[in-house]
Amino acid sequence: MSKNIADVFADMVEKRKGAGMSRIGKMPIAIPGGVTVEVAENNKVTVKGPKGTLSRTLPSVITIKQENGELKVERPNDEKETRALHGLTRALVNNMVVGVTEGYTKTLEINGVGYRAAKQGKKLTLTLGYSHPVEMEDPEGIETKVTDNKIEVSGIDKEKVGQYAAVIREKKKPEPYKGKGIKYTDERIRRKVGKAGKK
């Protein structure tokens, strides 16, 4: 696990005097019907559900147990980094359970005259005012759908869904004057006022 990620969570812990992440880490995770969880050697967790299977190797210092239809995430001590990894591990395991049962979706919106998206098979084609259309192919485990001026990115892996949605947005970030470009549907663009012409 990246130490940088751990440091970020550890800083959050320090700011909240350890309370926030400790509460997150201690919350049990309910295992829904139709979902199986296997914790193997080196803390490799595999979660299988109606929508697919996810596997991830998690920090070995953290213990993950199954009891009475729930997953419990435990830490061996109260050191700064361990507390951070405790909350992080619980969040990652919960994301896996939600992913294989409900899945994740990010929706993008295209704004601008002549700007549009089209989908054929696994290929997403974006017309964004460049000399040539931008063509992208859905990565493994990710599906995109186009409805009017909206692009829906979905999959069972929360991180991959977020990453691919960010890649699509990068193709034409929304500009601050007229808001033209690709933005998340829940994103607010900080508009700038254009310069007035000289009199």
Protein backbone atom coordinates (compact mmCIF):
# COMPACT_ATOMS: atom_id res chain seq x y z
CA MET A 1 0.00 0.00 0.00
CA SER A 2 1.35 3.43 -0.91
CA LYS A 3 2.84 5.24 2.05
CA ASN A 4 1.64 8.52 0.59
CA ILE A 5 -1.98 7.39 0.85
CA ALA A 6 -1.36 6.28 4.41
CA ASP A 7 0.18 9.65 5.24
CA VAL A 8 -2.88 11.48 3.89
CA PHE A 9 -5.19 9.40 6.08
CA ALA A 10 -2.82 9.74 9.01
CA ASP A 11 -2.96 13.52 8.74
CA MET A 12 -6.75 13.33 8.75
CA VAL A 13 -6.53 11.23 11.88
CA GLU A 14 -4.29 13.75 13.60
CA LYS A 15 -6.57 16.66 12.73
CA ARG A 16 -9.55 14.86 14.20
CA LYS A 17 -7.54 13.51 17.14
CA GLY A 18 -7.96 9.99 15.88
CA ALA A 19 -11.71 9.90 16.32
CA GLY A 20 -12.88 10.01 12.71
CA MET A 21 -10.85 7.20 11.16
CA SER A 22 -11.16 5.05 14.29
CA ARG A 23 -14.96 5.24 13.99
CA ILE A 24 -14.80 4.32 10.30
CA GLY A 25 -12.43 1.42 10.92
CA LYS A 26 -14.52 -0.02 13.77
CA MET A 27 -17.77 -0.08 11.80
CA PRO A 28 -18.56 -3.66 10.68
CA ILE A 29 -19.37 -4.29 7.01
CA ALA A 30 -22.54 -6.26 6.34
CA ILE A 31 -22.14 -9.00 3.74
CA PRO A 32 -25.27 -8.96 1.52
CA GLY A 33 -26.94 -12.13 0.29
CA GLY A 34 -25.28 -13.54 -2.81
CA VAL A 35 -21.88 -12.12 -1.83
CA THR A 36 -18.91 -14.23 -0.71
CA VAL A 37 -15.70 -12.88 0.80
CA GLU A 38 -12.43 -14.77 0.99
CA VAL A 39 -9.42 -13.54 2.96
CA ALA A 40 -6.33 -15.43 1.80
CA GLU A 41 -2.60 -15.36 2.54
CA ASN A 42 -0.93 -11.93 2.66
CA ASN A 43 -4.34 -10.35 3.30
CA LYS A 44 -5.54 -10.85 -0.25
CA VAL A 45 -9.27 -10.19 -0.16
CA THR A 46 -11.56 -11.54 -2.91
CA VAL A 47 -15.18 -10.41 -3.03
CA LYS A 48 -17.65 -12.14 -5.38
CA GLY A 49 -21.16 -10.87 -6.05
CA PRO A 50 -23.92 -10.55 -8.66
CA LYS A 51 -21.99 -7.99 -10.71
CA GLY A 52 -18.58 -9.68 -10.70
CA THR A 53 -15.43 -10.35 -8.68
CA LEU A 54 -12.87 -7.97 -7.16
CA SER A 55 -9.55 -8.89 -5.54
CA ARG A 56 -7.11 -6.70 -3.66
CA THR A 57 -4.13 -7.21 -1.38
CA LEU A 58 -4.53 -5.07 1.72
CA PRO A 59 -2.04 -4.02 4.44
CA SER A 60 -0.89 -7.13 6.34
CA VAL A 61 -0.80 -5.23 9.65
CA ILE A 62 -4.62 -5.01 9.56
CA THR A 63 -6.76 -8.06 10.43
CA ILE A 64 -9.95 -8.78 8.48
CA LYS A 65 -12.39 -11.28 10.04
CA GLN A 66 -15.76 -12.72 9.04
CA GLU A 67 -18.25 -13.14 11.87
CA ASN A 68 -22.02 -13.61 11.76
CA GLY A 69 -22.45 -12.33 8.22
CA GLU A 70 -20.24 -9.31 8.78
CA LEU A 71 -16.67 -8.29 8.09
CA LYS A 72 -14.69 -6.77 10.93
CA VAL A 73 -11.49 -4.80 10.35
CA GLU A 74 -9.11 -4.63 13.32
CA ARG A 75 -5.76 -2.96 14.01
CA PRO A 76 -3.03 -4.17 16.39
CA ASN A 77 -2.13 -0.81 17.95
CA ASP A 78 -2.92 2.91 18.00
CA GLU A 79 0.13 4.19 16.12
CA LYS A 80 -0.50 7.04 13.68
CA GLU A 81 0.05 5.06 10.48
CA THR A 82 -1.80 1.99 11.76
CA ARG A 83 -4.87 4.09 12.61
CA ALA A 84 -4.74 5.56 9.11
CA LEU A 85 -4.46 2.14 7.47
CA HIS A 86 -7.31 0.86 9.64
CA GLY A 87 -9.79 3.38 8.25
CA LEU A 88 -8.42 3.11 4.73
CA THR A 89 -8.64 -0.70 4.69
CA ARG A 90 -12.21 -0.66 5.96
CA ALA A 91 -13.18 1.87 3.26
CA LEU A 92 -11.53 -0.19 0.49
CA VAL A 93 -13.21 -3.44 1.56
CA ASN A 94 -16.58 -1.69 1.79
CA ASN A 95 -16.08 -0.27 -1.73
CA MET A 96 -15.47 -3.80 -3.01
CA VAL A 97 -18.67 -5.12 -1.42
CA VAL A 98 -20.73 -2.23 -2.80
CA GLY A 99 -19.06 -2.61 -6.21
CA VAL A 100 -20.00 -6.27 -6.73
CA THR A 101 -23.58 -5.69 -5.55
CA GLU A 102 -24.57 -2.24 -6.79
CA GLY A 103 -21.67 -1.02 -8.93
CA TYR A 104 -20.47 2.56 -9.36
CA THR A 105 -21.39 5.25 -11.87
CA LYS A 106 -19.95 8.64 -12.79
CA THR A 107 -21.89 10.85 -15.19
CA LEU A 108 -20.30 13.51 -17.38
CA GLU A 109 -21.97 16.26 -19.36
CA ILE A 110 -20.79 17.79 -22.65
CA ASN A 111 -21.54 21.46 -23.23
CA GLY A 112 -20.72 23.50 -26.35
CA VAL A 113 -22.10 24.11 -29.83
CA GLY A 114 -21.17 21.15 -32.02
CA TYR A 115 -19.71 19.20 -29.10
CA ARG A 116 -21.10 15.68 -28.86
CA ALA A 117 -20.37 12.06 -27.99
CA ALA A 118 -21.27 8.84 -29.78
CA LYS A 119 -20.90 5.19 -28.83
CA GLN A 120 -20.39 2.23 -31.15
CA GLY A 121 -19.49 -1.10 -29.60
CA LYS A 122 -16.75 -0.41 -27.06
CA LYS A 123 -15.58 2.75 -28.84
CA LEU A 124 -16.49 6.19 -27.52
CA THR A 125 -16.11 9.02 -30.05
CA LEU A 126 -15.95 12.61 -28.84
CA THR A 127 -16.39 15.61 -31.13
CA LEU A 128 -14.90 18.52 -29.20
CA GLY A 129 -13.96 21.18 -31.72
CA TYR A 130 -10.61 19.65 -32.67
CA SER A 131 -9.63 18.90 -36.27
CA HIS A 132 -10.26 15.19 -35.64
CA PRO A 133 -12.68 13.36 -33.35
CA VAL A 134 -11.24 11.88 -30.15
CA GLU A 135 -11.68 8.11 -30.07
CA MET A 136 -11.47 6.09 -26.84
CA GLU A 137 -12.08 2.41 -26.10
CA ASP A 138 -13.73 1.26 -22.89
CA PRO A 139 -11.11 -0.30 -20.59
CA GLU A 140 -11.67 -3.81 -19.25
CA GLY A 141 -14.34 -3.78 -16.56
CA ILE A 142 -15.67 -0.35 -17.58
CA GLU A 143 -18.72 0.49 -19.68
CA THR A 144 -19.71 3.86 -21.11
CA LYS A 145 -23.17 4.85 -22.32
CA VAL A 146 -24.15 8.00 -24.20
CA THR A 147 -27.56 9.63 -23.79
CA ASP A 148 -28.02 13.03 -25.43
CA ASN A 149 -25.15 15.16 -24.08
CA LYS A 150 -24.35 12.87 -21.15
CA ILE A 151 -21.72 10.13 -20.82
CA GLU A 152 -22.26 7.53 -18.11
CA VAL A 153 -19.18 5.63 -16.91
CA SER A 154 -19.96 2.50 -14.88
CA GLY A 155 -18.21 -0.53 -13.41
CA ILE A 156 -17.66 -2.48 -10.20
CA ASP A 157 -14.28 -0.94 -9.31
CA LYS A 158 -14.83 2.51 -7.79
CA GLU A 159 -11.28 3.69 -8.47
CA LYS A 160 -11.28 2.59 -12.13
CA VAL A 161 -14.65 4.27 -12.74
CA GLY A 162 -13.37 7.51 -11.24
CA GLN A 163 -10.07 7.34 -13.12
CA TYR A 164 -11.66 6.74 -16.52
CA ALA A 165 -14.24 9.48 -15.98
CA ALA A 166 -11.33 11.82 -15.18
CA VAL A 167 -9.51 10.76 -18.38
CA ILE A 168 -12.62 11.58 -20.47
CA ARG A 169 -12.99 14.96 -18.73
CA GLU A 170 -9.34 15.76 -19.50
CA LYS A 171 -10.07 15.61 -23.23
CA LYS A 172 -11.81 18.98 -22.97
CA LYS A 173 -11.91 20.49 -19.50
CA PRO A 174 -14.74 23.01 -19.01
CA GLU A 175 -13.50 26.53 -19.68
CA PRO A 176 -14.48 29.21 -17.15
CA TYR A 177 -16.10 31.77 -19.49
CA LYS A 178 -18.94 29.91 -21.21
CA GLY A 179 -18.51 26.55 -19.48
CA LYS A 180 -17.80 24.75 -22.76
CA GLY A 181 -16.22 21.33 -22.41
CA ILE A 182 -16.77 18.15 -20.40
CA LYS A 183 -17.73 18.33 -16.74
CA TYR A 184 -19.19 16.06 -14.08
CA THR A 185 -22.96 16.52 -13.82
CA ASP A 186 -22.60 17.60 -10.18
CA GLU A 187 -19.59 19.85 -10.86
CA ARG A 188 -19.94 23.60 -10.47
CA ILE A 189 -17.79 25.67 -12.80
CA ARG A 190 -16.43 28.89 -11.36
CA ARG A 191 -17.32 31.30 -14.12
CA LYS A 192 -15.13 34.23 -15.12
CA VAL A 193 -16.41 37.41 -16.71
CA GLY A 194 -14.93 38.03 -20.15
CA LYS A 195 -12.93 41.20 -20.72
CA ALA A 196 -15.00 44.06 -22.10
CA GLY A 197 -13.94 45.51 -25.42
CA LYS A 198 -12.08 48.83 -25.44
CA LYS A 199 -14.21 51.86 -26.00
